[in-house]
Amino acid sequence: MSSATTGDRIWYAVLFHLTRQESLTIEGLRDEMENPPARQTIYRRLESMVDLGVVEKEPGEGSAPSVYRDPNAEKRPRTGKEKPQVNYPLYVHNVGGREPDGSPTYIGPWTFSTKMVRDVVEEWIEGRVLNACAGKTELEHDAEIVRNDINPEMDADLNLDVTELGEHFEEESFDSVVFDPPFDQSQAKEHYSMHDTQRGPARRLLMRLVRPGGVFIECGWNDHGPALGYAEDWYREACHRYRRGPSYQPMFLTVDRRRTVFG
């Protein structure tokens, strides 16, 4: 994190702080940071995290400070201690430069056409893989990849709605599931004529297809996933944040793993 910007330092500090307790204040965060930035700088970053749904804000009354809370705190897995233990590495990528073919690097509607994203996915997938919303880009892997895309014009093994995959495959039949659906309602309508509200139900269905010990890789505008608020038998391996420039919100790629032993 030595090359991280001030904004990245604040983002990382907030996420780390919320793995140990369910809420924070600006002054409390500054007390825990080494060489903390100005209060107003932290305030602006927290407000942007509120806009993205990463944290929730409870305005203080009178002179009391505002409190920022983890919206998934009550759903996070408990380990028998007082606070949930959800600690994982956060990697920050600056989107830019050139692709191998010389074209500009950016994250467009086909996420895995961007090498810095595709490389991370290909590093994590293992065993039999389900690419649930495959799109145009084919991932490289030394084992079977089942490609599904609802669009019949895509080169895919199946052209099913994601919510129908549970009827086609047995539970725990994949070592890896890759879930890269439309990130928001505008993308969902433009590319698939679907509602973005289907993302949560689709995620829960796909989680059941992962074998114990397997991984669930998801892309989106936030860091939601199986390990953060959906099931106690999952934990987070890593979170990748792709900074797309000052005028655009970042993209997240999360890697969650299903526990082999739970109880």
C-alpha atoms as a PDB file:
ATOM      1  CA  MET A   1       0.000   0.000   0.000  1.00  0.00           C
ATOM      2  CA  SER A   2       3.048   2.272  -0.072  1.00  0.00           C
ATOM      3  CA  SER A   3       2.048   3.773  -3.444  1.00  0.00           C
ATOM      4  CA  ALA A   4      -1.608   4.212  -2.510  1.00  0.00           C
ATOM      5  CA  THR A   5      -3.249   7.624  -2.804  1.00  0.00           C
ATOM      6  CA  THR A   6      -4.820   9.363   0.191  1.00  0.00           C
ATOM      7  CA  GLY A   7      -8.234   8.212  -1.000  1.00  0.00           C
ATOM      8  CA  ASP A   8      -7.041   4.614  -1.195  1.00  0.00           C
ATOM      9  CA  ARG A   9      -5.584   4.821   2.331  1.00  0.00           C
ATOM     10  CA  ILE A  10      -8.910   6.050   3.692  1.00  0.00           C
ATOM     11  CA  TRP A  11     -10.866   3.387   1.790  1.00  0.00           C
ATOM     12  CA  TYR A  12      -8.604   0.610   3.086  1.00  0.00           C
ATOM     13  CA  ALA A  13      -8.705   1.973   6.655  1.00  0.00           C
ATOM     14  CA  VAL A  14     -12.522   2.093   6.634  1.00  0.00           C
ATOM     15  CA  LEU A  15     -12.873  -1.478   5.357  1.00  0.00           C
ATOM     16  CA  PHE A  16     -10.264  -2.767   7.805  1.00  0.00           C
ATOM     17  CA  HIS A  17     -11.873  -0.886  10.698  1.00  0.00           C
ATOM     18  CA  LEU A  18     -15.281  -2.370   9.902  1.00  0.00           C
ATOM     19  CA  THR A  19     -13.910  -5.920  10.028  1.00  0.00           C
ATOM     20  CA  ARG A  20     -13.379  -5.384  13.760  1.00  0.00           C
ATOM     21  CA  GLN A  21     -16.413  -3.331  14.720  1.00  0.00           C
ATOM     22  CA  GLU A  22     -19.711  -2.414  13.159  1.00  0.00           C
ATOM     23  CA  SER A  23     -19.447   1.382  13.038  1.00  0.00           C
ATOM     24  CA  LEU A  24     -16.982   4.254  13.031  1.00  0.00           C
ATOM     25  CA  THR A  25     -16.740   8.033  13.255  1.00  0.00           C
ATOM     26  CA  ILE A  26     -14.374  10.337  11.400  1.00  0.00           C
ATOM     27  CA  GLU A  27     -12.375  11.159  14.523  1.00  0.00           C
ATOM     28  CA  GLY A  28     -12.227   7.501  15.532  1.00  0.00           C
ATOM     29  CA  LEU A  29     -10.857   6.623  12.111  1.00  0.00           C
ATOM     30  CA  ARG A  30      -8.273   9.416  12.250  1.00  0.00           C
ATOM     31  CA  ASP A  31      -7.081   8.174  15.636  1.00  0.00           C
ATOM     32  CA  GLU A  32      -6.298   4.767  14.160  1.00  0.00           C
ATOM     33  CA  MET A  33      -4.602   5.954  10.952  1.00  0.00           C
ATOM     34  CA  GLU A  34      -0.899   6.638  10.716  1.00  0.00           C
ATOM     35  CA  ASN A  35      -0.386  10.214   9.466  1.00  0.00           C
ATOM     36  CA  PRO A  36      -4.147  10.772   9.057  1.00  0.00           C
ATOM     37  CA  PRO A  37      -5.356  13.183   6.362  1.00  0.00           C
ATOM     38  CA  ALA A  38      -7.530  16.191   7.103  1.00  0.00           C
ATOM     39  CA  ARG A  39     -10.957  15.587   8.577  1.00  0.00           C
ATOM     40  CA  GLN A  40     -12.666  17.088   5.507  1.00  0.00           C
ATOM     41  CA  THR A  41     -10.753  14.711   3.221  1.00  0.00           C
ATOM     42  CA  ILE A  42     -11.961  11.697   5.201  1.00  0.00           C
ATOM     43  CA  TYR A  43     -15.494  13.111   5.219  1.00  0.00           C
ATOM     44  CA  ARG A  44     -15.569  13.389   1.416  1.00  0.00           C
ATOM     45  CA  ARG A  45     -14.315   9.824   0.984  1.00  0.00           C
ATOM     46  CA  LEU A  46     -16.850   8.458   3.470  1.00  0.00           C
ATOM     47  CA  GLU A  47     -19.660  10.294   1.718  1.00  0.00           C
ATOM     48  CA  SER A  48     -18.626   8.708  -1.593  1.00  0.00           C
ATOM     49  CA  MET A  49     -18.694   5.297   0.116  1.00  0.00           C
ATOM     50  CA  VAL A  50     -22.225   6.091   1.337  1.00  0.00           C
ATOM     51  CA  ASP A  51     -23.226   6.893  -2.258  1.00  0.00           C
ATOM     52  CA  LEU A  52     -21.832   3.519  -3.393  1.00  0.00           C
ATOM     53  CA  GLY A  53     -23.656   1.648  -0.634  1.00  0.00           C
ATOM     54  CA  VAL A  54     -20.422   0.447   0.990  1.00  0.00           C
ATOM     55  CA  VAL A  55     -21.345   2.100   4.312  1.00  0.00           C
ATOM     56  CA  GLU A  56     -24.502   3.624   5.778  1.00  0.00           C
ATOM     57  CA  LYS A  57     -24.606   7.012   7.498  1.00  0.00           C
ATOM     58  CA  GLU A  58     -26.428   7.803  10.715  1.00  0.00           C
ATOM     59  CA  PRO A  59     -26.328  11.604  11.132  1.00  0.00           C
ATOM     60  CA  GLY A  60     -25.502  12.787  14.637  1.00  0.00           C
ATOM     61  CA  GLU A  61     -27.956  14.912  16.576  1.00  0.00           C
ATOM     62  CA  GLY A  62     -26.804  18.327  17.682  1.00  0.00           C
ATOM     63  CA  SER A  63     -23.034  18.298  18.216  1.00  0.00           C
ATOM     64  CA  ALA A  64     -22.804  14.508  18.135  1.00  0.00           C
ATOM     65  CA  PRO A  65     -20.697  13.143  15.256  1.00  0.00           C
ATOM     66  CA  SER A  66     -22.186  11.190  12.387  1.00  0.00           C
ATOM     67  CA  VAL A  67     -21.728   7.431  12.593  1.00  0.00           C
ATOM     68  CA  TYR A  68     -20.903   5.295   9.576  1.00  0.00           C
ATOM     69  CA  ARG A  69     -21.992   1.672   9.751  1.00  0.00           C
ATOM     70  CA  ASP A  70     -21.398  -1.538   7.852  1.00  0.00           C
ATOM     71  CA  PRO A  71     -24.799  -2.332   6.222  1.00  0.00           C
ATOM     72  CA  ASN A  72     -24.011  -6.071   6.390  1.00  0.00           C
ATOM     73  CA  ALA A  73     -22.755  -6.149   9.980  1.00  0.00           C
ATOM     74  CA  GLU A  74     -25.695  -8.112  11.340  1.00  0.00           C
ATOM     75  CA  LYS A  75     -25.405 -10.713   8.580  1.00  0.00           C
ATOM     76  CA  ARG A  76     -21.668 -11.320   8.712  1.00  0.00           C
ATOM     77  CA  PRO A  77     -20.463 -14.707   9.949  1.00  0.00           C
ATOM     78  CA  ARG A  78     -19.658 -14.974  13.638  1.00  0.00           C
ATOM     79  CA  THR A  79     -16.775 -17.044  14.919  1.00  0.00           C
ATOM     80  CA  GLY A  80     -17.694 -17.320  18.582  1.00  0.00           C
ATOM     81  CA  LYS A  81     -15.836 -14.098  19.475  1.00  0.00           C
ATOM     82  CA  GLU A  82     -17.475 -10.761  20.095  1.00  0.00           C
ATOM     83  CA  LYS A  83     -16.841  -9.400  16.593  1.00  0.00           C
ATOM     84  CA  PRO A  84     -16.895 -10.976  13.132  1.00  0.00           C
ATOM     85  CA  GLN A  85     -13.491 -11.932  11.765  1.00  0.00           C
ATOM     86  CA  VAL A  86     -13.457 -10.819   8.123  1.00  0.00           C
ATOM     87  CA  ASN A  87      -9.922  -9.824   7.207  1.00  0.00           C
ATOM     88  CA  TYR A  88      -8.643 -10.068   3.644  1.00  0.00           C
ATOM     89  CA  PRO A  89      -6.228  -8.272   1.300  1.00  0.00           C
ATOM     90  CA  LEU A  90      -7.428  -5.313  -0.751  1.00  0.00           C
ATOM     91  CA  TYR A  91      -5.589  -4.765  -4.045  1.00  0.00           C
ATOM     92  CA  VAL A  92      -5.852  -1.436  -5.854  1.00  0.00           C
ATOM     93  CA  HIS A  93      -5.374  -1.232  -9.642  1.00  0.00           C
ATOM     94  CA  ASN A  94      -5.118   1.973 -11.665  1.00  0.00           C
ATOM     95  CA  VAL A  95      -6.930   1.419 -14.952  1.00  0.00           C
ATOM     96  CA  GLY A  96      -4.970   2.842 -17.873  1.00  0.00           C
ATOM     97  CA  GLY A  97      -2.235   2.222 -20.385  1.00  0.00           C
ATOM     98  CA  ARG A  98      -2.522  -0.110 -23.362  1.00  0.00           C
ATOM     99  CA  GLU A  99      -3.795  -3.600 -24.029  1.00  0.00           C
ATOM    100  CA  PRO A 100      -1.491  -6.142 -25.724  1.00  0.00           C
ATOM    101  CA  ASP A 101      -3.054  -5.233 -29.097  1.00  0.00           C
ATOM    102  CA  GLY A 102      -2.229  -1.558 -28.560  1.00  0.00           C
ATOM    103  CA  SER A 103      -5.776  -0.380 -27.825  1.00  0.00           C
ATOM    104  CA  PRO A 104      -6.415   1.856 -24.775  1.00  0.00           C
ATOM    105  CA  THR A 105      -7.116   0.045 -21.514  1.00  0.00           C
ATOM    106  CA  TYR A 106     -10.546   0.719 -20.033  1.00  0.00           C
ATOM    107  CA  ILE A 107     -13.306  -1.330 -18.400  1.00  0.00           C
ATOM    108  CA  GLY A 108     -16.227  -1.535 -20.779  1.00  0.00           C
ATOM    109  CA  PRO A 109     -19.349  -3.698 -21.039  1.00  0.00           C
ATOM    110  CA  TRP A 110     -17.273  -6.866 -21.613  1.00  0.00           C
ATOM    111  CA  THR A 111     -15.282  -6.834 -18.383  1.00  0.00           C
ATOM    112  CA  PHE A 112     -12.847  -9.642 -19.134  1.00  0.00           C
ATOM    113  CA  SER A 113     -11.679  -8.094 -22.389  1.00  0.00           C
ATOM    114  CA  THR A 114      -9.532  -5.904 -20.088  1.00  0.00           C
ATOM    115  CA  LYS A 115      -6.303  -7.793 -19.412  1.00  0.00           C
ATOM    116  CA  MET A 116      -5.728  -6.531 -15.858  1.00  0.00           C
ATOM    117  CA  VAL A 117      -9.156  -7.897 -14.890  1.00  0.00           C
ATOM    118  CA  ARG A 118      -8.943 -11.100 -16.921  1.00  0.00           C
ATOM    119  CA  ASP A 119      -5.512 -11.956 -15.467  1.00  0.00           C
ATOM    120  CA  VAL A 120      -6.890 -11.876 -11.900  1.00  0.00           C
ATOM    121  CA  VAL A 121      -9.830 -14.118 -12.791  1.00  0.00           C
ATOM    122  CA  GLU A 122      -7.617 -16.625 -14.610  1.00  0.00           C
ATOM    123  CA  GLU A 123      -5.249 -16.707 -11.647  1.00  0.00           C
ATOM    124  CA  TRP A 124      -8.052 -17.670  -9.228  1.00  0.00           C
ATOM    125  CA  ILE A 125     -10.247 -20.095 -11.178  1.00  0.00           C
ATOM    126  CA  GLU A 126      -9.607 -23.758 -10.493  1.00  0.00           C
ATOM    127  CA  GLY A 127     -11.052 -27.126 -11.498  1.00  0.00           C
ATOM    128  CA  ARG A 128     -14.374 -27.178 -13.324  1.00  0.00           C
ATOM    129  CA  VAL A 129     -15.574 -23.611 -13.957  1.00  0.00           C
ATOM    130  CA  LEU A 130     -18.978 -22.089 -14.642  1.00  0.00           C
ATOM    131  CA  ASN A 131     -18.820 -18.686 -16.326  1.00  0.00           C
ATOM    132  CA  ALA A 132     -22.420 -17.722 -15.632  1.00  0.00           C
ATOM    133  CA  CYS A 133     -22.583 -14.504 -17.708  1.00  0.00           C
ATOM    134  CA  ALA A 134     -19.834 -15.252 -20.213  1.00  0.00           C
ATOM    135  CA  GLY A 135     -20.283 -12.431 -22.711  1.00  0.00           C
ATOM    136  CA  LYS A 136     -17.788 -12.149 -25.563  1.00  0.00           C
ATOM    137  CA  THR A 137     -14.481 -12.929 -23.855  1.00  0.00           C
ATOM    138  CA  GLU A 138     -13.237 -16.488 -23.383  1.00  0.00           C
ATOM    139  CA  LEU A 139     -11.143 -17.197 -20.288  1.00  0.00           C
ATOM    140  CA  GLU A 140      -8.025 -19.374 -20.543  1.00  0.00           C
ATOM    141  CA  HIS A 141      -7.939 -22.362 -18.207  1.00  0.00           C
ATOM    142  CA  ASP A 142      -6.450 -25.863 -18.245  1.00  0.00           C
ATOM    143  CA  ALA A 143      -9.734 -27.555 -17.242  1.00  0.00           C
ATOM    144  CA  GLU A 144     -13.372 -27.415 -18.313  1.00  0.00           C
ATOM    145  CA  ILE A 145     -15.131 -24.043 -18.524  1.00  0.00           C
ATOM    146  CA  VAL A 146     -18.887 -24.101 -19.050  1.00  0.00           C
ATOM    147  CA  ARG A 147     -19.941 -20.843 -20.709  1.00  0.00           C
ATOM    148  CA  ASN A 148     -23.471 -19.553 -20.258  1.00  0.00           C
ATOM    149  CA  ASP A 149     -24.978 -16.380 -21.678  1.00  0.00           C
ATOM    150  CA  ILE A 150     -28.654 -15.551 -22.028  1.00  0.00           C
ATOM    151  CA  ASN A 151     -27.954 -13.915 -25.401  1.00  0.00           C
ATOM    152  CA  PRO A 152     -28.207 -16.628 -28.101  1.00  0.00           C
ATOM    153  CA  GLU A 153     -25.853 -14.623 -30.325  1.00  0.00           C
ATOM    154  CA  MET A 154     -22.973 -15.222 -27.891  1.00  0.00           C
ATOM    155  CA  ASP A 155     -20.579 -18.142 -28.357  1.00  0.00           C
ATOM    156  CA  ALA A 156     -21.663 -20.131 -25.307  1.00  0.00           C
ATOM    157  CA  ASP A 157     -22.440 -23.704 -24.256  1.00  0.00           C
ATOM    158  CA  LEU A 158     -25.789 -22.632 -22.804  1.00  0.00           C
ATOM    159  CA  ASN A 159     -28.129 -19.705 -23.381  1.00  0.00           C
ATOM    160  CA  LEU A 160     -30.061 -19.750 -20.116  1.00  0.00           C
ATOM    161  CA  ASP A 161     -31.202 -17.060 -17.730  1.00  0.00           C
ATOM    162  CA  VAL A 162     -28.826 -17.212 -14.764  1.00  0.00           C
ATOM    163  CA  THR A 163     -31.744 -17.941 -12.457  1.00  0.00           C
ATOM    164  CA  GLU A 164     -32.420 -21.157 -14.439  1.00  0.00           C
ATOM    165  CA  LEU A 165     -28.939 -22.664 -14.023  1.00  0.00           C
ATOM    166  CA  GLY A 166     -29.928 -24.358 -10.772  1.00  0.00           C
ATOM    167  CA  GLU A 167     -32.388 -26.476 -12.750  1.00  0.00           C
ATOM    168  CA  HIS A 168     -29.674 -27.487 -15.222  1.00  0.00           C
ATOM    169  CA  PHE A 169     -26.815 -28.380 -12.851  1.00  0.00           C
ATOM    170  CA  GLU A 170     -26.649 -30.303  -9.592  1.00  0.00           C
ATOM    171  CA  GLU A 171     -25.615 -28.482  -6.440  1.00  0.00           C
ATOM    172  CA  GLU A 172     -21.866 -28.467  -5.668  1.00  0.00           C
ATOM    173  CA  SER A 173     -21.018 -29.434  -9.250  1.00  0.00           C
ATOM    174  CA  PHE A 174     -18.371 -26.726  -9.908  1.00  0.00           C
ATOM    175  CA  ASP A 175     -15.023 -25.859  -8.355  1.00  0.00           C
ATOM    176  CA  SER A 176     -15.325 -22.224  -9.481  1.00  0.00           C
ATOM    177  CA  VAL A 177     -18.188 -19.934 -10.451  1.00  0.00           C
ATOM    178  CA  VAL A 178     -17.562 -16.616 -12.201  1.00  0.00           C
ATOM    179  CA  PHE A 179     -20.415 -14.114 -11.884  1.00  0.00           C
ATOM    180  CA  ASP A 180     -20.030 -10.998 -14.043  1.00  0.00           C
ATOM    181  CA  PRO A 181     -23.590  -9.759 -14.619  1.00  0.00           C
ATOM    182  CA  PRO A 182     -24.619  -6.250 -15.731  1.00  0.00           C
ATOM    183  CA  PHE A 183     -23.454  -3.884 -12.981  1.00  0.00           C
ATOM    184  CA  ASP A 184     -26.567  -1.704 -12.836  1.00  0.00           C
ATOM    185  CA  GLN A 185     -30.040  -1.262 -14.278  1.00  0.00           C
ATOM    186  CA  SER A 186     -28.889   0.635 -17.386  1.00  0.00           C
ATOM    187  CA  GLN A 187     -26.438  -2.138 -18.326  1.00  0.00           C
ATOM    188  CA  ALA A 188     -28.990  -4.832 -17.514  1.00  0.00           C
ATOM    189  CA  LYS A 189     -31.586  -3.213 -19.776  1.00  0.00           C
ATOM    190  CA  GLU A 190     -29.139  -2.415 -22.594  1.00  0.00           C
ATOM    191  CA  HIS A 191     -27.511  -5.839 -22.868  1.00  0.00           C
ATOM    192  CA  TYR A 192     -29.994  -8.330 -21.441  1.00  0.00           C
ATOM    193  CA  SER A 193     -33.452  -6.718 -21.060  1.00  0.00           C
ATOM    194  CA  MET A 194     -33.440  -7.744 -17.395  1.00  0.00           C
ATOM    195  CA  HIS A 195     -33.793  -6.034 -14.017  1.00  0.00           C
ATOM    196  CA  ASP A 196     -30.723  -5.463 -11.857  1.00  0.00           C
ATOM    197  CA  THR A 197     -32.755  -6.600  -8.827  1.00  0.00           C
ATOM    198  CA  GLN A 198     -32.246 -10.178 -10.065  1.00  0.00           C
ATOM    199  CA  ARG A 199     -28.576 -10.017  -9.099  1.00  0.00           C
ATOM    200  CA  GLY A 200     -29.073 -11.027  -5.449  1.00  0.00           C
ATOM    201  CA  PRO A 201     -31.320 -14.046  -6.137  1.00  0.00           C
ATOM    202  CA  ALA A 202     -28.979 -15.137  -8.950  1.00  0.00           C
ATOM    203  CA  ARG A 203     -25.978 -14.928  -6.610  1.00  0.00           C
ATOM    204  CA  ARG A 204     -27.658 -17.074  -3.986  1.00  0.00           C
ATOM    205  CA  LEU A 205     -28.546 -19.695  -6.591  1.00  0.00           C
ATOM    206  CA  LEU A 206     -25.018 -19.787  -8.031  1.00  0.00           C
ATOM    207  CA  MET A 207     -23.496 -20.133  -4.561  1.00  0.00           C
ATOM    208  CA  ARG A 208     -25.171 -23.523  -4.241  1.00  0.00           C
ATOM    209  CA  LEU A 209     -23.377 -24.760  -7.356  1.00  0.00           C
ATOM    210  CA  VAL A 210     -19.923 -24.320  -5.759  1.00  0.00           C
ATOM    211  CA  ARG A 211     -18.342 -27.327  -4.073  1.00  0.00           C
ATOM    212  CA  PRO A 212     -16.890 -26.925  -0.544  1.00  0.00           C
ATOM    213  CA  GLY A 213     -13.393 -25.525  -1.008  1.00  0.00           C
ATOM    214  CA  GLY A 214     -14.373 -23.871  -4.286  1.00  0.00           C
ATOM    215  CA  VAL A 215     -14.335 -20.186  -5.220  1.00  0.00           C
ATOM    216  CA  PHE A 216     -16.931 -17.613  -6.242  1.00  0.00           C
ATOM    217  CA  ILE A 217     -15.613 -14.669  -8.277  1.00  0.00           C
ATOM    218  CA  GLU A 218     -17.864 -11.659  -8.775  1.00  0.00           C
ATOM    219  CA  CYS A 219     -17.535  -8.269 -10.481  1.00  0.00           C
ATOM    220  CA  GLY A 220     -19.609  -5.159  -9.804  1.00  0.00           C
ATOM    221  CA  TRP A 221     -19.831  -1.594  -8.483  1.00  0.00           C
ATOM    222  CA  ASN A 222     -19.475  -2.777  -4.861  1.00  0.00           C
ATOM    223  CA  ASP A 223     -17.806  -5.549  -2.855  1.00  0.00           C
ATOM    224  CA  HIS A 224     -20.919  -7.592  -2.058  1.00  0.00           C
ATOM    225  CA  GLY A 225     -20.540 -11.345  -2.296  1.00  0.00           C
ATOM    226  CA  PRO A 226     -21.158 -14.682  -0.554  1.00  0.00           C
ATOM    227  CA  ALA A 227     -18.708 -13.924   2.271  1.00  0.00           C
ATOM    228  CA  LEU A 228     -20.246 -10.567   3.207  1.00  0.00           C
ATOM    229  CA  GLY A 229     -23.707 -11.155   4.526  1.00  0.00           C
ATOM    230  CA  TYR A 230     -25.028 -14.139   2.593  1.00  0.00           C
ATOM    231  CA  ALA A 231     -23.855 -17.341   4.274  1.00  0.00           C
ATOM    232  CA  GLU A 232     -21.660 -18.342   7.198  1.00  0.00           C
ATOM    233  CA  ASP A 233     -19.907 -21.099   5.278  1.00  0.00           C
ATOM    234  CA  TRP A 234     -18.054 -18.614   3.052  1.00  0.00           C
ATOM    235  CA  TYR A 235     -15.018 -16.403   3.649  1.00  0.00           C
ATOM    236  CA  ARG A 236     -13.279 -13.756   1.573  1.00  0.00           C
ATOM    237  CA  GLU A 237      -9.938 -14.500  -0.053  1.00  0.00           C
ATOM    238  CA  ALA A 238      -9.333 -11.130  -1.732  1.00  0.00           C
ATOM    239  CA  CYS A 239     -10.895  -7.927  -3.023  1.00  0.00           C
ATOM    240  CA  HIS A 240      -9.582  -6.072  -6.083  1.00  0.00           C
ATOM    241  CA  ARG A 241     -10.535  -2.440  -6.619  1.00  0.00           C
ATOM    242  CA  TYR A 242     -10.085  -0.948 -10.104  1.00  0.00           C
ATOM    243  CA  ARG A 243      -9.723   2.842 -10.062  1.00  0.00           C
ATOM    244  CA  ARG A 244     -11.132   4.209 -13.319  1.00  0.00           C
ATOM    245  CA  GLY A 245     -10.312   7.877 -12.835  1.00  0.00           C
ATOM    246  CA  PRO A 246     -11.586  10.785 -10.727  1.00  0.00           C
ATOM    247  CA  SER A 247     -14.918  11.081 -12.567  1.00  0.00           C
ATOM    248  CA  TYR A 248     -15.893   7.406 -12.442  1.00  0.00           C
ATOM    249  CA  GLN A 249     -16.735   5.045  -9.618  1.00  0.00           C
ATOM    250  CA  PRO A 250     -14.374   2.103  -9.110  1.00  0.00           C
ATOM    251  CA  MET A 251     -15.133  -1.465 -10.114  1.00  0.00           C
ATOM    252  CA  PHE A 252     -14.716  -4.330  -7.648  1.00  0.00           C
ATOM    253  CA  LEU A 253     -13.695  -7.928  -8.219  1.00  0.00           C
ATOM    254  CA  THR A 254     -14.169 -10.159  -5.181  1.00  0.00           C
ATOM    255  CA  VAL A 255     -12.961 -13.698  -4.522  1.00  0.00           C
ATOM    256  CA  ASP A 256     -14.869 -15.713  -1.901  1.00  0.00           C
ATOM    257  CA  ARG A 257     -14.249 -19.327  -0.928  1.00  0.00           C
ATOM    258  CA  ARG A 258     -16.668 -21.892   0.450  1.00  0.00           C
ATOM    259  CA  ARG A 259     -15.467 -23.518   3.652  1.00  0.00           C
ATOM    260  CA  THR A 260     -14.628 -27.233   3.541  1.00  0.00           C
ATOM    261  CA  VAL A 261     -15.449 -27.668   7.246  1.00  0.00           C
ATOM    262  CA  PHE A 262     -18.168 -25.671   8.958  1.00  0.00           C
ATOM    263  CA  GLY A 263     -19.832 -26.052  12.309  1.00  0.00           C
END
